[in-house]
Amino acid sequence: MSQEEKRKEIRAFKSAADEEDFNRLLQKIKNGDLKVAMTRNKSRNILRQFDKKFYYLYFFCVMVAAAVSICYMSMGKLFISLTALVVTLTLFFVFWALITRRAFAWAIKKKKNFDYAYYISAITIKKDSKEYRYPDHHWKDAL
């Protein structure tokens, strides 16, 4: 697909729904009529692109905790190394959980963010037993 065709497709995708549709979508999500799932892999890419400070700062903290843990293990200090290992694992799992939450919060902040996240297939919408995912459906179809 050429760049021009891709741009036309993106413009058509963005213009298919307006702010009013987006507000209705948010209302249905809050009411529980629609469920939104976000893939962790794509949400990590979204955060890396749009919230670099959070992503790299937290990742750096996890790496420092892992380095401290390895350092104390090599010194043979069992209690301190086990404590550092527990802290490292806790930071890692919290980071993993926060990735999806922060990316989702970013996505529902504005219509253009939601369009982008849905367009790259980071978000799927579930209504009853039907799943809406790009390119098969536009998110407006779920309304």
N, C-alpha and C. Protein backbone atom coordinates (compact mmCIF):
# COMPACT_ATOMS: atom_id res chain seq x y z
N MET A 1 0.84 -1.17 0.00
CA MET A 1 0.00 0.00 0.00
C MET A 1 0.90 1.24 0.00
N SER A 2 0.60 2.15 -0.88
CA SER A 2 1.42 3.36 -0.97
C SER A 2 1.10 4.31 0.19
N GLN A 3 1.97 5.29 0.36
CA GLN A 3 1.79 6.25 1.45
C GLN A 3 0.50 7.05 1.28
N GLU A 4 0.21 7.41 0.04
CA GLU A 4 -1.00 8.20 -0.21
C GLU A 4 -2.26 7.40 0.11
N GLU A 5 -2.28 6.13 -0.28
CA GLU A 5 -3.43 5.28 0.03
C GLU A 5 -3.58 5.10 1.54
N LYS A 6 -2.47 4.95 2.21
CA LYS A 6 -2.47 4.79 3.67
C LYS A 6 -3.04 6.05 4.33
N ARG A 7 -2.61 7.21 3.87
CA ARG A 7 -3.12 8.48 4.42
C ARG A 7 -4.63 8.61 4.20
N LYS A 8 -5.09 8.24 3.00
CA LYS A 8 -6.52 8.30 2.72
C LYS A 8 -7.30 7.37 3.64
N GLU A 9 -6.76 6.18 3.86
CA GLU A 9 -7.41 5.21 4.75
C GLU A 9 -7.48 5.76 6.18
N ILE A 10 -6.41 6.37 6.64
CA ILE A 10 -6.39 6.93 7.99
C ILE A 10 -7.37 8.09 8.11
N ARG A 11 -7.41 8.97 7.11
CA ARG A 11 -8.36 10.08 7.13
C ARG A 11 -9.80 9.57 7.15
N ALA A 12 -10.08 8.57 6.33
CA ALA A 12 -11.43 8.00 6.30
C ALA A 12 -11.78 7.37 7.65
N PHE A 13 -10.81 6.71 8.27
CA PHE A 13 -11.04 6.09 9.57
C PHE A 13 -11.34 7.15 10.63
N LYS A 14 -10.56 8.22 10.64
CA LYS A 14 -10.75 9.28 11.63
C LYS A 14 -12.06 10.03 11.44
N SER A 15 -12.45 10.23 10.20
CA SER A 15 -13.66 11.01 9.94
C SER A 15 -14.94 10.18 10.07
N ALA A 16 -14.83 8.89 10.25
CA ALA A 16 -16.02 8.04 10.36
C ALA A 16 -16.80 8.30 11.64
N ALA A 17 -16.15 8.83 12.66
CA ALA A 17 -16.82 9.12 13.93
C ALA A 17 -16.41 10.51 14.41
N ASP A 18 -17.32 11.15 15.15
CA ASP A 18 -17.00 12.48 15.66
C ASP A 18 -16.91 12.46 17.19
N GLU A 19 -16.74 13.64 17.77
CA GLU A 19 -16.59 13.75 19.23
C GLU A 19 -17.83 13.26 19.97
N GLU A 20 -18.99 13.49 19.40
CA GLU A 20 -20.23 13.04 20.03
C GLU A 20 -20.26 11.52 20.13
N ASP A 21 -19.83 10.85 19.06
CA ASP A 21 -19.75 9.38 19.09
C ASP A 21 -18.75 8.91 20.14
N PHE A 22 -17.64 9.62 20.23
CA PHE A 22 -16.62 9.26 21.21
C PHE A 22 -17.15 9.42 22.63
N ASN A 23 -17.91 10.49 22.88
CA ASN A 23 -18.50 10.68 24.21
C ASN A 23 -19.52 9.60 24.52
N ARG A 24 -20.29 9.18 23.52
CA ARG A 24 -21.23 8.06 23.72
C ARG A 24 -20.48 6.78 24.03
N LEU A 25 -19.36 6.58 23.35
CA LEU A 25 -18.54 5.40 23.61
C LEU A 25 -18.02 5.41 25.04
N LEU A 26 -17.52 6.55 25.49
CA LEU A 26 -17.02 6.66 26.86
C LEU A 26 -18.13 6.39 27.87
N GLN A 27 -19.32 6.90 27.58
CA GLN A 27 -20.45 6.69 28.48
C GLN A 27 -20.81 5.20 28.55
N LYS A 28 -20.79 4.52 27.43
CA LYS A 28 -21.11 3.09 27.42
C LYS A 28 -20.03 2.28 28.13
N ILE A 29 -18.80 2.72 28.03
CA ILE A 29 -17.72 2.03 28.75
C ILE A 29 -17.91 2.21 30.25
N LYS A 30 -18.26 3.43 30.67
CA LYS A 30 -18.47 3.70 32.10
C LYS A 30 -19.68 2.95 32.63
N ASN A 31 -20.73 2.82 31.82
CA ASN A 31 -21.93 2.10 32.24
C ASN A 31 -21.72 0.60 32.28
N GLY A 32 -20.71 0.13 31.58
CA GLY A 32 -20.45 -1.31 31.54
C GLY A 32 -21.09 -2.01 30.36
N ASP A 33 -21.70 -1.24 29.46
CA ASP A 33 -22.30 -1.85 28.27
C ASP A 33 -21.23 -2.39 27.32
N LEU A 34 -20.10 -1.71 27.28
CA LEU A 34 -18.98 -2.12 26.44
C LEU A 34 -17.77 -2.42 27.31
N LYS A 35 -17.03 -3.42 26.90
CA LYS A 35 -15.78 -3.73 27.59
C LYS A 35 -14.63 -3.48 26.62
N VAL A 36 -13.60 -2.86 27.13
CA VAL A 36 -12.45 -2.53 26.30
C VAL A 36 -11.26 -3.31 26.81
N ALA A 37 -10.61 -4.02 25.90
CA ALA A 37 -9.40 -4.77 26.25
C ALA A 37 -8.23 -4.16 25.50
N MET A 38 -7.11 -4.10 26.19
CA MET A 38 -5.92 -3.52 25.58
C MET A 38 -4.79 -4.53 25.67
N THR A 39 -4.12 -4.75 24.57
CA THR A 39 -3.01 -5.70 24.58
C THR A 39 -1.80 -5.08 25.24
N ARG A 40 -1.12 -5.86 26.03
CA ARG A 40 0.02 -5.34 26.79
C ARG A 40 1.18 -4.98 25.87
N ASN A 41 1.39 -5.76 24.85
CA ASN A 41 2.51 -5.51 23.94
C ASN A 41 2.34 -4.17 23.24
N LYS A 42 1.16 -3.93 22.70
CA LYS A 42 0.91 -2.67 22.00
C LYS A 42 0.86 -1.50 22.97
N SER A 43 0.34 -1.73 24.19
CA SER A 43 0.29 -0.64 25.15
C SER A 43 1.68 -0.22 25.58
N ARG A 44 2.60 -1.18 25.62
CA ARG A 44 3.99 -0.84 25.94
C ARG A 44 4.56 0.07 24.84
N ASN A 45 4.23 -0.23 23.60
CA ASN A 45 4.70 0.62 22.49
C ASN A 45 4.08 2.01 22.55
N ILE A 46 2.81 2.09 22.93
CA ILE A 46 2.15 3.38 23.06
C ILE A 46 2.82 4.21 24.14
N LEU A 47 3.08 3.58 25.29
CA LEU A 47 3.74 4.32 26.38
C LEU A 47 5.13 4.76 25.97
N ARG A 48 5.84 3.89 25.30
CA ARG A 48 7.20 4.23 24.88
C ARG A 48 7.18 5.43 23.94
N GLN A 49 6.11 5.57 23.19
CA GLN A 49 5.99 6.68 22.24
C GLN A 49 5.51 7.97 22.89
N PHE A 50 4.50 7.87 23.76
CA PHE A 50 3.82 9.07 24.22
C PHE A 50 4.05 9.41 25.70
N ASP A 51 4.59 8.51 26.47
CA ASP A 51 4.86 8.77 27.89
C ASP A 51 6.25 8.24 28.22
N LYS A 52 7.23 8.72 27.47
CA LYS A 52 8.60 8.21 27.58
C LYS A 52 9.17 8.38 28.98
N LYS A 53 8.89 9.51 29.59
CA LYS A 53 9.46 9.79 30.90
C LYS A 53 9.05 8.72 31.91
N PHE A 54 7.77 8.43 31.99
CA PHE A 54 7.29 7.40 32.91
C PHE A 54 7.90 6.05 32.56
N TYR A 55 7.82 5.68 31.30
CA TYR A 55 8.26 4.35 30.88
C TYR A 55 9.73 4.12 31.21
N TYR A 56 10.59 5.02 30.78
CA TYR A 56 12.02 4.81 30.97
C TYR A 56 12.46 5.01 32.42
N LEU A 57 11.82 5.91 33.15
CA LEU A 57 12.16 6.11 34.56
C LEU A 57 11.81 4.86 35.37
N TYR A 58 10.63 4.33 35.17
CA TYR A 58 10.23 3.14 35.91
C TYR A 58 11.07 1.94 35.49
N PHE A 59 11.33 1.82 34.21
CA PHE A 59 12.17 0.72 33.72
C PHE A 59 13.57 0.82 34.32
N PHE A 60 14.11 2.03 34.42
CA PHE A 60 15.42 2.24 35.02
C PHE A 60 15.41 1.82 36.49
N CYS A 61 14.35 2.16 37.22
CA CYS A 61 14.24 1.74 38.63
C CYS A 61 14.24 0.23 38.77
N VAL A 62 13.53 -0.45 37.90
CA VAL A 62 13.50 -1.92 37.95
C VAL A 62 14.89 -2.48 37.66
N MET A 63 15.58 -1.91 36.70
CA MET A 63 16.93 -2.39 36.37
C MET A 63 17.92 -2.13 37.51
N VAL A 64 17.81 -0.98 38.17
CA VAL A 64 18.69 -0.68 39.31
C VAL A 64 18.42 -1.66 40.45
N ALA A 65 17.16 -1.92 40.72
CA ALA A 65 16.83 -2.89 41.78
C ALA A 65 17.36 -4.27 41.43
N ALA A 66 17.29 -4.66 40.17
CA ALA A 66 17.83 -5.95 39.76
C ALA A 66 19.34 -5.98 39.91
N ALA A 67 20.01 -4.88 39.56
CA ALA A 67 21.47 -4.81 39.70
C ALA A 67 21.89 -4.89 41.16
N VAL A 68 21.17 -4.20 42.03
CA VAL A 68 21.47 -4.27 43.47
C VAL A 68 21.27 -5.68 43.99
N SER A 69 20.22 -6.32 43.55
CA SER A 69 19.95 -7.70 43.95
C SER A 69 21.09 -8.63 43.53
N ILE A 70 21.53 -8.50 42.29
CA ILE A 70 22.62 -9.34 41.78
C ILE A 70 23.92 -9.03 42.51
N CYS A 71 24.15 -7.77 42.80
CA CYS A 71 25.36 -7.37 43.52
C CYS A 71 25.42 -8.02 44.90
N TYR A 72 24.32 -7.95 45.64
CA TYR A 72 24.31 -8.55 46.98
C TYR A 72 24.35 -10.07 46.93
N MET A 73 23.79 -10.66 45.87
CA MET A 73 23.89 -12.12 45.72
C MET A 73 25.34 -12.53 45.53
N SER A 74 26.07 -11.76 44.74
CA SER A 74 27.48 -12.10 44.50
C SER A 74 28.33 -11.90 45.75
N MET A 75 27.91 -11.00 46.65
CA MET A 75 28.63 -10.80 47.90
C MET A 75 28.30 -11.87 48.93
N GLY A 76 27.23 -12.60 48.70
CA GLY A 76 26.86 -13.67 49.61
C GLY A 76 26.00 -13.22 50.77
N LYS A 77 25.44 -12.04 50.70
CA LYS A 77 24.57 -11.54 51.77
C LYS A 77 23.14 -11.97 51.45
N LEU A 78 22.76 -13.08 52.01
CA LEU A 78 21.51 -13.75 51.65
C LEU A 78 20.28 -12.89 51.98
N PHE A 79 20.19 -12.39 53.20
CA PHE A 79 18.99 -11.65 53.61
C PHE A 79 18.78 -10.40 52.75
N ILE A 80 19.84 -9.63 52.56
CA ILE A 80 19.73 -8.40 51.77
C ILE A 80 19.43 -8.73 50.31
N SER A 81 20.07 -9.78 49.78
CA SER A 81 19.84 -10.13 48.38
C SER A 81 18.43 -10.64 48.16
N LEU A 82 17.88 -11.40 49.10
CA LEU A 82 16.50 -11.87 48.96
C LEU A 82 15.51 -10.70 49.06
N THR A 83 15.80 -9.77 49.96
CA THR A 83 14.95 -8.59 50.08
C THR A 83 14.99 -7.77 48.78
N ALA A 84 16.18 -7.58 48.24
CA ALA A 84 16.32 -6.84 46.99
C ALA A 84 15.62 -7.57 45.84
N LEU A 85 15.68 -8.89 45.85
CA LEU A 85 15.01 -9.67 44.81
C LEU A 85 13.49 -9.51 44.91
N VAL A 86 12.96 -9.54 46.12
CA VAL A 86 11.52 -9.35 46.31
C VAL A 86 11.11 -7.95 45.85
N VAL A 87 11.90 -6.94 46.19
CA VAL A 87 11.61 -5.57 45.75
C VAL A 87 11.65 -5.48 44.23
N THR A 88 12.64 -6.11 43.63
CA THR A 88 12.76 -6.10 42.17
C THR A 88 11.55 -6.74 41.51
N LEU A 89 11.15 -7.90 41.98
CA LEU A 89 10.00 -8.58 41.40
C LEU A 89 8.71 -7.78 41.60
N THR A 90 8.57 -7.18 42.77
CA THR A 90 7.39 -6.36 43.03
C THR A 90 7.35 -5.17 42.08
N LEU A 91 8.48 -4.48 41.94
CA LEU A 91 8.55 -3.35 41.01
C LEU A 91 8.23 -3.80 39.58
N PHE A 92 8.74 -4.94 39.19
CA PHE A 92 8.52 -5.44 37.84
C PHE A 92 7.03 -5.72 37.60
N PHE A 93 6.38 -6.41 38.53
CA PHE A 93 4.97 -6.74 38.33
C PHE A 93 4.07 -5.50 38.40
N VAL A 94 4.43 -4.55 39.27
CA VAL A 94 3.67 -3.30 39.33
C VAL A 94 3.84 -2.54 38.01
N PHE A 95 5.06 -2.50 37.51
CA PHE A 95 5.34 -1.85 36.23
C PHE A 95 4.53 -2.50 35.12
N TRP A 96 4.49 -3.81 35.10
CA TRP A 96 3.76 -4.54 34.07
C TRP A 96 2.27 -4.21 34.13
N ALA A 97 1.73 -4.10 35.35
CA ALA A 97 0.31 -3.78 35.49
C ALA A 97 0.03 -2.32 35.13
N LEU A 98 0.95 -1.43 35.48
CA LEU A 98 0.76 -0.01 35.20
C LEU A 98 0.83 0.33 33.72
N ILE A 99 1.58 -0.47 32.98
CA ILE A 99 1.72 -0.21 31.55
C ILE A 99 0.35 -0.15 30.88
N THR A 100 -0.45 -1.16 31.10
CA THR A 100 -1.76 -1.22 30.45
C THR A 100 -2.69 -0.14 30.97
N ARG A 101 -2.68 0.09 32.28
CA ARG A 101 -3.55 1.12 32.84
C ARG A 101 -3.22 2.51 32.31
N ARG A 102 -1.96 2.85 32.28
CA ARG A 102 -1.56 4.18 31.81
C ARG A 102 -1.84 4.34 30.32
N ALA A 103 -1.58 3.31 29.55
CA ALA A 103 -1.85 3.39 28.11
C ALA A 103 -3.36 3.53 27.86
N PHE A 104 -4.16 2.81 28.63
CA PHE A 104 -5.61 2.92 28.48
C PHE A 104 -6.09 4.32 28.88
N ALA A 105 -5.55 4.85 29.96
CA ALA A 105 -5.91 6.21 30.39
C ALA A 105 -5.54 7.22 29.31
N TRP A 106 -4.39 7.02 28.68
CA TRP A 106 -3.98 7.90 27.58
C TRP A 106 -4.95 7.77 26.41
N ALA A 107 -5.37 6.54 26.12
CA ALA A 107 -6.21 6.29 24.94
C ALA A 107 -7.59 6.91 25.08
N ILE A 108 -8.17 6.90 26.27
CA ILE A 108 -9.53 7.43 26.38
C ILE A 108 -9.56 8.91 26.73
N LYS A 109 -8.40 9.53 26.80
CA LYS A 109 -8.34 10.96 27.12
C LYS A 109 -8.92 11.80 25.97
N LYS A 110 -8.59 11.45 24.74
CA LYS A 110 -9.04 12.21 23.57
C LYS A 110 -9.45 11.25 22.46
N LYS A 111 -10.29 11.73 21.58
CA LYS A 111 -10.74 10.90 20.46
C LYS A 111 -9.59 10.51 19.56
N LYS A 112 -8.68 11.45 19.29
CA LYS A 112 -7.57 11.13 18.38
C LYS A 112 -6.67 10.05 18.98
N ASN A 113 -6.51 10.05 20.30
CA ASN A 113 -5.72 9.00 20.95
C ASN A 113 -6.41 7.64 20.82
N PHE A 114 -7.73 7.64 21.03
CA PHE A 114 -8.48 6.39 20.93
C PHE A 114 -8.45 5.88 19.49
N ASP A 115 -8.60 6.79 18.54
CA ASP A 115 -8.52 6.39 17.13
C ASP A 115 -7.18 5.73 16.84
N TYR A 116 -6.12 6.34 17.32
CA TYR A 116 -4.78 5.79 17.07
C TYR A 116 -4.63 4.40 17.70
N ALA A 117 -5.03 4.28 18.96
CA ALA A 117 -4.88 3.00 19.66
C ALA A 117 -5.73 1.91 19.00
N TYR A 118 -6.93 2.27 18.57
CA TYR A 118 -7.79 1.29 17.91
C TYR A 118 -7.25 0.94 16.52
N TYR A 119 -6.74 1.93 15.83
CA TYR A 119 -6.22 1.73 14.47
C TYR A 119 -5.02 0.79 14.46
N ILE A 120 -4.16 0.86 15.46
CA ILE A 120 -2.99 -0.03 15.50
C ILE A 120 -3.32 -1.36 16.18
N SER A 121 -4.59 -1.58 16.45
CA SER A 121 -5.09 -2.82 17.06
C SER A 121 -4.59 -3.03 18.49
N ALA A 122 -4.36 -1.95 19.20
CA ALA A 122 -4.00 -2.07 20.61
C ALA A 122 -5.24 -2.26 21.46
N ILE A 123 -6.38 -1.81 20.94
CA ILE A 123 -7.63 -1.88 21.69
C ILE A 123 -8.64 -2.72 20.92
N THR A 124 -9.33 -3.57 21.65
CA THR A 124 -10.48 -4.29 21.10
C THR A 124 -11.68 -3.97 21.99
N ILE A 125 -12.82 -3.89 21.38
CA ILE A 125 -14.05 -3.58 22.11
C ILE A 125 -14.93 -4.82 22.08
N LYS A 126 -15.48 -5.16 23.24
CA LYS A 126 -16.38 -6.31 23.33
C LYS A 126 -17.76 -5.84 23.77
N LYS A 127 -18.74 -6.26 23.00
CA LYS A 127 -20.13 -5.97 23.33
C LYS A 127 -20.87 -7.29 23.28
N ASP A 128 -21.38 -7.70 24.43
CA ASP A 128 -21.99 -9.02 24.59
C ASP A 128 -20.96 -10.08 24.19
N SER A 129 -21.23 -10.83 23.15
CA SER A 129 -20.27 -11.86 22.74
C SER A 129 -19.49 -11.46 21.48
N LYS A 130 -19.79 -10.29 20.95
CA LYS A 130 -19.13 -9.85 19.72
C LYS A 130 -17.91 -9.00 20.04
N GLU A 131 -16.86 -9.20 19.27
CA GLU A 131 -15.63 -8.45 19.46
C GLU A 131 -15.39 -7.55 18.25
N TYR A 132 -15.09 -6.29 18.52
CA TYR A 132 -14.83 -5.31 17.47
C TYR A 132 -13.35 -4.99 17.45
N ARG A 133 -12.75 -5.17 16.30
CA ARG A 133 -11.30 -4.94 16.15
C ARG A 133 -11.05 -4.40 14.75
N TYR A 134 -10.09 -3.49 14.66
CA TYR A 134 -9.71 -2.96 13.36
C TYR A 134 -8.88 -4.01 12.63
N PRO A 135 -9.00 -4.23 11.37
CA PRO A 135 -9.70 -3.53 10.30
C PRO A 135 -11.10 -4.08 10.00
N ASP A 136 -11.54 -5.10 10.73
CA ASP A 136 -12.85 -5.68 10.45
C ASP A 136 -14.00 -4.72 10.78
N HIS A 137 -13.85 -3.98 11.87
CA HIS A 137 -14.91 -3.07 12.31
C HIS A 137 -14.31 -1.74 12.73
N HIS A 138 -15.11 -0.71 12.59
CA HIS A 138 -14.75 0.59 13.18
C HIS A 138 -15.33 0.58 14.59
N TRP A 139 -14.70 1.31 15.52
CA TRP A 139 -15.20 1.30 16.89
C TRP A 139 -16.60 1.88 16.99
N LYS A 140 -16.99 2.69 16.02
CA LYS A 140 -18.33 3.27 16.03
C LYS A 140 -19.40 2.18 15.86
N ASP A 141 -19.04 1.08 15.22
CA ASP A 141 -19.98 -0.02 15.02
C ASP A 141 -20.46 -0.61 16.34
N ALA A 142 -19.68 -0.49 17.39
CA ALA A 142 -20.05 -1.04 18.69
C ALA A 142 -21.13 -0.22 19.37
N LEU A 143 -21.33 1.00 18.91
CA LEU A 143 -22.35 1.86 19.52
C LEU A 143 -23.73 1.43 19.09
